[in-house]
Protein backbone atom coordinates (compact mmCIF):
# COMPACT_ATOMS: atom_id res chain seq x y z
CA UNK A 1 0.00 0.00 0.00
CA UNK A 2 2.83 2.43 0.83
CA UNK A 3 4.48 1.92 -2.55
CA UNK A 4 1.16 2.52 -4.32
CA UNK A 5 0.44 5.72 -2.40
CA UNK A 6 3.94 7.07 -3.03
CA UNK A 7 3.49 6.35 -6.76
CA UNK A 8 0.23 8.33 -6.98
CA UNK A 9 0.32 11.15 -9.56
CA UNK A 10 -2.17 13.77 -10.69
CA UNK A 11 -3.45 14.05 -14.27
CA UNK A 12 -0.26 15.97 -15.23
CA UNK A 13 1.95 13.17 -13.95
CA UNK A 14 3.08 15.19 -10.90
CA UNK A 15 3.61 13.19 -7.69
CA UNK A 16 0.97 13.81 -5.02
CA UNK A 17 2.45 11.98 -2.02
CA UNK A 18 6.09 12.68 -1.20
CA UNK A 19 6.39 9.99 1.43
CA UNK A 20 4.20 7.67 3.49
CA UNK A 21 5.22 7.08 7.10
CA UNK A 22 4.20 4.15 9.27
CA UNK A 23 3.00 5.38 12.66
CA UNK A 24 5.03 2.78 14.53
CA UNK A 25 8.19 4.17 12.91
CA UNK A 26 7.61 7.87 13.65
CA UNK A 27 5.66 7.90 16.92
CA UNK A 28 6.50 6.53 20.32
CA UNK A 29 4.93 6.64 23.73
CA UNK A 30 1.75 5.51 25.39
CA UNK A 31 -0.62 7.23 22.93
CA UNK A 32 0.81 5.55 19.81
CA UNK A 33 -2.27 3.33 19.60
CA UNK A 34 -4.37 6.43 18.87
CA UNK A 35 -2.29 7.38 15.82
CA UNK A 36 -3.37 6.44 12.29
CA UNK A 37 -1.58 3.46 10.75
CA UNK A 38 -0.12 5.59 7.96
CA UNK A 39 0.75 9.28 7.80
CA UNK A 40 0.71 10.81 4.33
CA UNK A 41 3.32 13.47 3.59
CA UNK A 42 1.87 15.37 0.66
CA UNK A 43 4.00 17.12 -1.95
CA UNK A 44 3.76 20.90 -2.05
CA UNK A 45 0.45 21.97 -3.52
CA UNK A 46 -1.45 18.86 -2.44
CA UNK A 47 -3.37 17.94 0.70
CA UNK A 48 -6.24 15.84 1.95
CA UNK A 49 -9.61 17.28 0.93
CA UNK A 50 -11.37 19.56 3.40
CA UNK A 51 -14.26 17.09 3.47
CA UNK A 52 -11.94 14.22 4.38
CA UNK A 53 -10.25 16.04 7.25
CA UNK A 54 -13.70 16.81 8.65
CA UNK A 55 -14.58 13.10 8.62
CA UNK A 56 -16.51 13.00 5.34
CA UNK A 57 -15.75 10.97 2.21
CA UNK A 58 -15.92 12.06 -1.40
CA UNK A 59 -16.20 9.94 -4.53
CA UNK A 60 -13.15 11.63 -6.05
CA UNK A 61 -9.78 11.11 -4.43
CA UNK A 62 -7.99 14.04 -6.13
CA UNK A 63 -9.84 17.34 -6.00
CA UNK A 64 -9.04 20.90 -7.00
CA UNK A 65 -8.32 23.22 -4.12
CA UNK A 66 -11.18 25.70 -3.95
CA UNK A 67 -10.22 27.23 -0.59
CA UNK A 68 -7.28 29.31 0.54
CA UNK A 69 -4.81 27.35 2.61
CA UNK A 70 -3.42 28.53 5.90
CA UNK A 71 -1.58 26.70 8.66
CA UNK A 72 -1.77 23.47 6.69
CA UNK A 73 -0.25 20.39 8.32
CA UNK A 74 -0.66 18.04 5.36
CA UNK A 75 2.59 18.73 3.52
CA UNK A 76 5.46 16.37 4.26
CA UNK A 77 7.25 17.79 7.32
CA UNK A 78 10.66 17.22 5.70
CA UNK A 79 9.75 19.82 3.06
CA UNK A 80 9.03 22.52 5.64
CA UNK A 81 12.14 24.22 6.95
CA UNK A 82 12.11 25.40 10.52
CA UNK A 83 13.83 28.29 12.23
CA UNK A 84 14.40 28.78 15.94
CA UNK A 85 15.20 32.31 17.04
CA UNK A 86 16.75 32.73 20.46
CA UNK A 87 18.53 35.50 22.31
CA UNK A 88 20.61 32.83 24.05
CA UNK A 89 23.27 30.59 22.59
CA UNK A 90 22.05 27.11 21.70
CA UNK A 91 24.65 24.59 22.83
CA UNK A 92 23.28 21.61 20.93
CA UNK A 93 24.62 21.37 17.36
CA UNK A 94 21.48 19.59 16.13
CA UNK A 95 18.46 20.72 18.15
CA UNK A 96 15.15 19.10 17.36
CA UNK A 97 11.53 20.09 17.78
CA UNK A 98 11.21 17.58 20.64
CA UNK A 99 13.91 19.55 22.49
CA UNK A 100 11.88 22.78 22.69
CA UNK A 101 9.55 21.83 25.57
CA UNK A 102 12.33 20.38 27.78
CA UNK A 103 14.41 23.51 27.12
CA UNK A 104 11.58 25.80 28.17
CA UNK A 105 10.79 23.75 31.27
CA UNK A 106 14.45 23.81 32.31
CA UNK A 107 14.60 27.59 31.85
CA UNK A 108 11.69 27.97 34.28
CA UNK A 109 13.33 25.63 36.79
CA UNK A 110 10.83 22.84 36.18
CA UNK A 111 11.70 19.20 35.71
CA UNK A 112 11.05 17.42 32.44
CA UNK A 113 8.55 14.56 32.81
CA UNK A 114 10.04 11.13 32.11
CA UNK A 115 7.36 10.58 29.43
CA UNK A 116 8.68 13.54 27.43
CA UNK A 117 11.26 13.08 24.72
CA UNK A 118 14.01 15.57 24.01
CA UNK A 119 16.62 17.41 26.01
CA UNK A 120 17.44 20.96 26.89
CA UNK A 121 19.54 22.73 24.26
CA UNK A 122 20.70 25.77 26.28
C-alpha atoms as a PDB file:
ATOM      1  CA  UNK A   1       0.000   0.000   0.000  1.00  0.00           C
ATOM      2  CA  UNK A   2       2.825   2.434   0.834  1.00  0.00           C
ATOM      3  CA  UNK A   3       4.478   1.923  -2.551  1.00  0.00           C
ATOM      4  CA  UNK A   4       1.164   2.517  -4.325  1.00  0.00           C
ATOM      5  CA  UNK A   5       0.443   5.723  -2.400  1.00  0.00           C
ATOM      6  CA  UNK A   6       3.945   7.070  -3.035  1.00  0.00           C
ATOM      7  CA  UNK A   7       3.489   6.346  -6.763  1.00  0.00           C
ATOM      8  CA  UNK A   8       0.231   8.334  -6.978  1.00  0.00           C
ATOM      9  CA  UNK A   9       0.320  11.148  -9.558  1.00  0.00           C
ATOM     10  CA  UNK A  10      -2.172  13.772 -10.693  1.00  0.00           C
ATOM     11  CA  UNK A  11      -3.447  14.053 -14.272  1.00  0.00           C
ATOM     12  CA  UNK A  12      -0.264  15.967 -15.232  1.00  0.00           C
ATOM     13  CA  UNK A  13       1.948  13.169 -13.947  1.00  0.00           C
ATOM     14  CA  UNK A  14       3.079  15.192 -10.903  1.00  0.00           C
ATOM     15  CA  UNK A  15       3.608  13.192  -7.689  1.00  0.00           C
ATOM     16  CA  UNK A  16       0.970  13.811  -5.017  1.00  0.00           C
ATOM     17  CA  UNK A  17       2.446  11.978  -2.025  1.00  0.00           C
ATOM     18  CA  UNK A  18       6.085  12.685  -1.204  1.00  0.00           C
ATOM     19  CA  UNK A  19       6.388   9.994   1.431  1.00  0.00           C
ATOM     20  CA  UNK A  20       4.205   7.673   3.488  1.00  0.00           C
ATOM     21  CA  UNK A  21       5.216   7.078   7.098  1.00  0.00           C
ATOM     22  CA  UNK A  22       4.202   4.148   9.271  1.00  0.00           C
ATOM     23  CA  UNK A  23       3.001   5.381  12.657  1.00  0.00           C
ATOM     24  CA  UNK A  24       5.035   2.781  14.529  1.00  0.00           C
ATOM     25  CA  UNK A  25       8.195   4.170  12.911  1.00  0.00           C
ATOM     26  CA  UNK A  26       7.607   7.866  13.654  1.00  0.00           C
ATOM     27  CA  UNK A  27       5.657   7.905  16.922  1.00  0.00           C
ATOM     28  CA  UNK A  28       6.495   6.530  20.324  1.00  0.00           C
ATOM     29  CA  UNK A  29       4.930   6.643  23.734  1.00  0.00           C
ATOM     30  CA  UNK A  30       1.747   5.514  25.391  1.00  0.00           C
ATOM     31  CA  UNK A  31      -0.622   7.235  22.925  1.00  0.00           C
ATOM     32  CA  UNK A  32       0.810   5.545  19.814  1.00  0.00           C
ATOM     33  CA  UNK A  33      -2.267   3.334  19.596  1.00  0.00           C
ATOM     34  CA  UNK A  34      -4.374   6.433  18.867  1.00  0.00           C
ATOM     35  CA  UNK A  35      -2.288   7.377  15.819  1.00  0.00           C
ATOM     36  CA  UNK A  36      -3.369   6.438  12.287  1.00  0.00           C
ATOM     37  CA  UNK A  37      -1.583   3.455  10.754  1.00  0.00           C
ATOM     38  CA  UNK A  38      -0.125   5.585   7.957  1.00  0.00           C
ATOM     39  CA  UNK A  39       0.747   9.276   7.802  1.00  0.00           C
ATOM     40  CA  UNK A  40       0.715  10.815   4.325  1.00  0.00           C
ATOM     41  CA  UNK A  41       3.321  13.471   3.591  1.00  0.00           C
ATOM     42  CA  UNK A  42       1.871  15.366   0.661  1.00  0.00           C
ATOM     43  CA  UNK A  43       4.002  17.119  -1.945  1.00  0.00           C
ATOM     44  CA  UNK A  44       3.765  20.898  -2.053  1.00  0.00           C
ATOM     45  CA  UNK A  45       0.446  21.968  -3.522  1.00  0.00           C
ATOM     46  CA  UNK A  46      -1.454  18.857  -2.439  1.00  0.00           C
ATOM     47  CA  UNK A  47      -3.366  17.936   0.701  1.00  0.00           C
ATOM     48  CA  UNK A  48      -6.243  15.838   1.948  1.00  0.00           C
ATOM     49  CA  UNK A  49      -9.612  17.277   0.933  1.00  0.00           C
ATOM     50  CA  UNK A  50     -11.370  19.565   3.396  1.00  0.00           C
ATOM     51  CA  UNK A  51     -14.261  17.091   3.471  1.00  0.00           C
ATOM     52  CA  UNK A  52     -11.938  14.225   4.375  1.00  0.00           C
ATOM     53  CA  UNK A  53     -10.246  16.042   7.250  1.00  0.00           C
ATOM     54  CA  UNK A  54     -13.702  16.811   8.651  1.00  0.00           C
ATOM     55  CA  UNK A  55     -14.584  13.100   8.624  1.00  0.00           C
ATOM     56  CA  UNK A  56     -16.507  12.998   5.343  1.00  0.00           C
ATOM     57  CA  UNK A  57     -15.753  10.967   2.214  1.00  0.00           C
ATOM     58  CA  UNK A  58     -15.922  12.063  -1.405  1.00  0.00           C
ATOM     59  CA  UNK A  59     -16.198   9.940  -4.530  1.00  0.00           C
ATOM     60  CA  UNK A  60     -13.151  11.630  -6.046  1.00  0.00           C
ATOM     61  CA  UNK A  61      -9.776  11.108  -4.430  1.00  0.00           C
ATOM     62  CA  UNK A  62      -7.988  14.040  -6.127  1.00  0.00           C
ATOM     63  CA  UNK A  63      -9.841  17.343  -5.999  1.00  0.00           C
ATOM     64  CA  UNK A  64      -9.043  20.896  -7.004  1.00  0.00           C
ATOM     65  CA  UNK A  65      -8.317  23.221  -4.118  1.00  0.00           C
ATOM     66  CA  UNK A  66     -11.177  25.702  -3.949  1.00  0.00           C
ATOM     67  CA  UNK A  67     -10.225  27.231  -0.586  1.00  0.00           C
ATOM     68  CA  UNK A  68      -7.283  29.310   0.541  1.00  0.00           C
ATOM     69  CA  UNK A  69      -4.806  27.354   2.612  1.00  0.00           C
ATOM     70  CA  UNK A  70      -3.425  28.527   5.905  1.00  0.00           C
ATOM     71  CA  UNK A  71      -1.575  26.696   8.660  1.00  0.00           C
ATOM     72  CA  UNK A  72      -1.768  23.466   6.686  1.00  0.00           C
ATOM     73  CA  UNK A  73      -0.247  20.394   8.315  1.00  0.00           C
ATOM     74  CA  UNK A  74      -0.662  18.040   5.355  1.00  0.00           C
ATOM     75  CA  UNK A  75       2.590  18.734   3.523  1.00  0.00           C
ATOM     76  CA  UNK A  76       5.462  16.368   4.262  1.00  0.00           C
ATOM     77  CA  UNK A  77       7.251  17.786   7.315  1.00  0.00           C
ATOM     78  CA  UNK A  78      10.657  17.215   5.702  1.00  0.00           C
ATOM     79  CA  UNK A  79       9.751  19.820   3.058  1.00  0.00           C
ATOM     80  CA  UNK A  80       9.029  22.523   5.640  1.00  0.00           C
ATOM     81  CA  UNK A  81      12.141  24.219   6.946  1.00  0.00           C
ATOM     82  CA  UNK A  82      12.114  25.395  10.524  1.00  0.00           C
ATOM     83  CA  UNK A  83      13.831  28.288  12.229  1.00  0.00           C
ATOM     84  CA  UNK A  84      14.398  28.778  15.938  1.00  0.00           C
ATOM     85  CA  UNK A  85      15.196  32.310  17.043  1.00  0.00           C
ATOM     86  CA  UNK A  86      16.749  32.726  20.464  1.00  0.00           C
ATOM     87  CA  UNK A  87      18.532  35.501  22.309  1.00  0.00           C
ATOM     88  CA  UNK A  88      20.612  32.826  24.051  1.00  0.00           C
ATOM     89  CA  UNK A  89      23.269  30.586  22.586  1.00  0.00           C
ATOM     90  CA  UNK A  90      22.051  27.107  21.696  1.00  0.00           C
ATOM     91  CA  UNK A  91      24.654  24.587  22.833  1.00  0.00           C
ATOM     92  CA  UNK A  92      23.279  21.614  20.934  1.00  0.00           C
ATOM     93  CA  UNK A  93      24.623  21.374  17.365  1.00  0.00           C
ATOM     94  CA  UNK A  94      21.476  19.587  16.130  1.00  0.00           C
ATOM     95  CA  UNK A  95      18.463  20.723  18.154  1.00  0.00           C
ATOM     96  CA  UNK A  96      15.155  19.100  17.362  1.00  0.00           C
ATOM     97  CA  UNK A  97      11.528  20.086  17.776  1.00  0.00           C
ATOM     98  CA  UNK A  98      11.211  17.580  20.645  1.00  0.00           C
ATOM     99  CA  UNK A  99      13.910  19.551  22.492  1.00  0.00           C
ATOM    100  CA  UNK A 100      11.881  22.782  22.685  1.00  0.00           C
ATOM    101  CA  UNK A 101       9.553  21.832  25.566  1.00  0.00           C
ATOM    102  CA  UNK A 102      12.328  20.377  27.778  1.00  0.00           C
ATOM    103  CA  UNK A 103      14.413  23.509  27.123  1.00  0.00           C
ATOM    104  CA  UNK A 104      11.579  25.804  28.169  1.00  0.00           C
ATOM    105  CA  UNK A 105      10.795  23.751  31.269  1.00  0.00           C
ATOM    106  CA  UNK A 106      14.448  23.813  32.314  1.00  0.00           C
ATOM    107  CA  UNK A 107      14.598  27.594  31.848  1.00  0.00           C
ATOM    108  CA  UNK A 108      11.694  27.972  34.282  1.00  0.00           C
ATOM    109  CA  UNK A 109      13.327  25.633  36.792  1.00  0.00           C
ATOM    110  CA  UNK A 110      10.833  22.842  36.180  1.00  0.00           C
ATOM    111  CA  UNK A 111      11.697  19.198  35.712  1.00  0.00           C
ATOM    112  CA  UNK A 112      11.051  17.420  32.438  1.00  0.00           C
ATOM    113  CA  UNK A 113       8.547  14.560  32.811  1.00  0.00           C
ATOM    114  CA  UNK A 114      10.040  11.132  32.108  1.00  0.00           C
ATOM    115  CA  UNK A 115       7.364  10.576  29.431  1.00  0.00           C
ATOM    116  CA  UNK A 116       8.676  13.545  27.433  1.00  0.00           C
ATOM    117  CA  UNK A 117      11.261  13.077  24.724  1.00  0.00           C
ATOM    118  CA  UNK A 118      14.014  15.575  24.006  1.00  0.00           C
ATOM    119  CA  UNK A 119      16.620  17.406  26.008  1.00  0.00           C
ATOM    120  CA  UNK A 120      17.439  20.962  26.890  1.00  0.00           C
ATOM    121  CA  UNK A 121      19.540  22.731  24.256  1.00  0.00           C
ATOM    122  CA  UNK A 122      20.702  25.774  26.278  1.00  0.00           C
END
